[in-house]
Protein backbone atom coordinates (compact mmCIF):
# COMPACT_ATOMS: atom_id res chain seq x y z
CA MET A 1 -35.61 34.17 -103.82
CA ARG A 2 -38.80 35.58 -104.85
CA LEU A 3 -41.09 37.30 -102.31
CA ASP A 4 -44.31 35.55 -103.29
CA LYS A 5 -42.20 31.94 -103.12
CA TYR A 6 -40.92 32.89 -99.58
CA LEU A 7 -44.33 33.71 -98.11
CA LYS A 8 -45.46 30.23 -99.41
CA VAL A 9 -42.59 28.34 -98.54
CA SER A 10 -42.49 29.63 -94.81
CA ARG A 11 -46.33 28.94 -94.54
CA ILE A 12 -47.12 32.93 -93.97
CA ILE A 13 -49.19 32.37 -97.00
CA LYS A 14 -50.37 29.21 -97.73
CA ARG A 15 -50.73 29.24 -101.56
CA ARG A 16 -48.05 31.11 -103.97
CA PRO A 17 -51.22 32.76 -106.21
CA VAL A 18 -52.69 34.23 -103.07
CA ALA A 19 -49.23 35.59 -102.20
CA LYS A 20 -49.06 37.25 -105.66
CA GLU A 21 -52.35 38.63 -105.50
CA ALA A 22 -51.51 40.18 -101.95
CA CYS A 23 -48.46 41.68 -103.60
CA ASP A 24 -50.40 43.02 -106.48
CA LEU A 25 -53.16 44.55 -104.35
CA GLY A 26 -50.19 46.65 -102.48
CA LYS A 27 -50.85 44.93 -99.13
CA VAL A 28 -47.24 43.76 -99.05
CA LYS A 29 -44.21 46.03 -97.88
CA VAL A 30 -40.71 44.92 -97.79
CA ASN A 31 -38.45 47.22 -95.77
CA GLY A 32 -41.48 49.94 -95.92
CA LYS A 33 -41.79 49.81 -99.79
CA VAL A 34 -44.54 48.35 -101.82
CA ALA A 35 -43.56 45.17 -102.91
CA LYS A 36 -43.89 43.05 -106.18
CA ALA A 37 -44.40 39.31 -106.09
CA GLY A 38 -41.15 38.70 -108.25
CA ASP A 39 -38.96 41.08 -105.76
CA ASP A 40 -35.95 39.45 -104.64
CA ILE A 41 -35.49 39.15 -100.62
CA ASN A 42 -32.74 38.70 -98.57
CA ILE A 43 -32.14 37.47 -95.01
CA ASP A 44 -32.80 40.55 -92.43
CA ASP A 45 -35.54 42.18 -94.73
CA LYS A 46 -38.53 43.18 -92.90
CA ILE A 47 -42.02 42.40 -94.03
CA GLU A 48 -45.34 43.96 -93.72
CA ILE A 49 -48.55 42.11 -94.85
CA GLU A 50 -51.87 43.75 -94.40
CA PHE A 51 -54.68 41.18 -93.84
CA ARG A 52 -58.56 42.51 -93.42
CA ASP A 53 -57.93 43.61 -89.72
CA THR A 54 -54.37 43.29 -88.95
CA THR A 55 -50.83 43.87 -90.18
CA LEU A 56 -48.43 41.26 -89.68
CA LYS A 57 -44.67 42.31 -89.49
CA ILE A 58 -41.83 39.85 -89.61
CA LYS A 59 -37.85 39.88 -90.20
CA ILE A 60 -36.54 37.11 -92.45
CA LEU A 61 -34.28 34.97 -90.53
CA GLU A 62 -33.52 31.94 -93.25
CA ILE A 63 -34.20 31.53 -97.07
CA LYS A 64 -34.60 28.08 -97.88
CA GLU A 65 -36.16 26.30 -100.91
CA HIS A 66 -38.10 23.53 -99.20
CA VAL A 67 -38.87 23.25 -95.63
CA ARG A 68 -40.93 21.09 -93.76
CA LYS A 69 -44.02 22.32 -92.01
CA GLU A 70 -42.99 22.06 -88.41
CA ASP A 71 -39.66 23.76 -89.59
CA SER A 72 -41.49 26.74 -91.46
CA LYS A 73 -41.43 29.05 -88.48
CA ASP A 74 -37.60 29.12 -87.96
CA MET A 75 -37.55 31.23 -91.12
CA TYR A 76 -39.19 34.29 -89.48
CA GLU A 77 -38.97 36.02 -86.54
CA ILE A 78 -42.53 38.12 -85.94
CA ILE A 79 -41.77 41.76 -84.85
CA ASN A 80 -43.62 44.67 -83.36
CA ASN A 81 -42.37 47.67 -85.31
């Protein structure tokens, strides 16, 4: 699955154009490397997203095309390092 779509489906970022813009600005890294919106992601990849005053680090647990809002948090795990 594309990175920007994963960020939207998992509801880490609410809209796909916003996810694409974050990638285009270099604010998203996958496994320590700056990622593009179209990059494929896999289970166990680690994503870092720079927001204004914080960085969110997650590990991908599941990849699904469609998921209900209440189940979206099961797609990833927040990590500290």
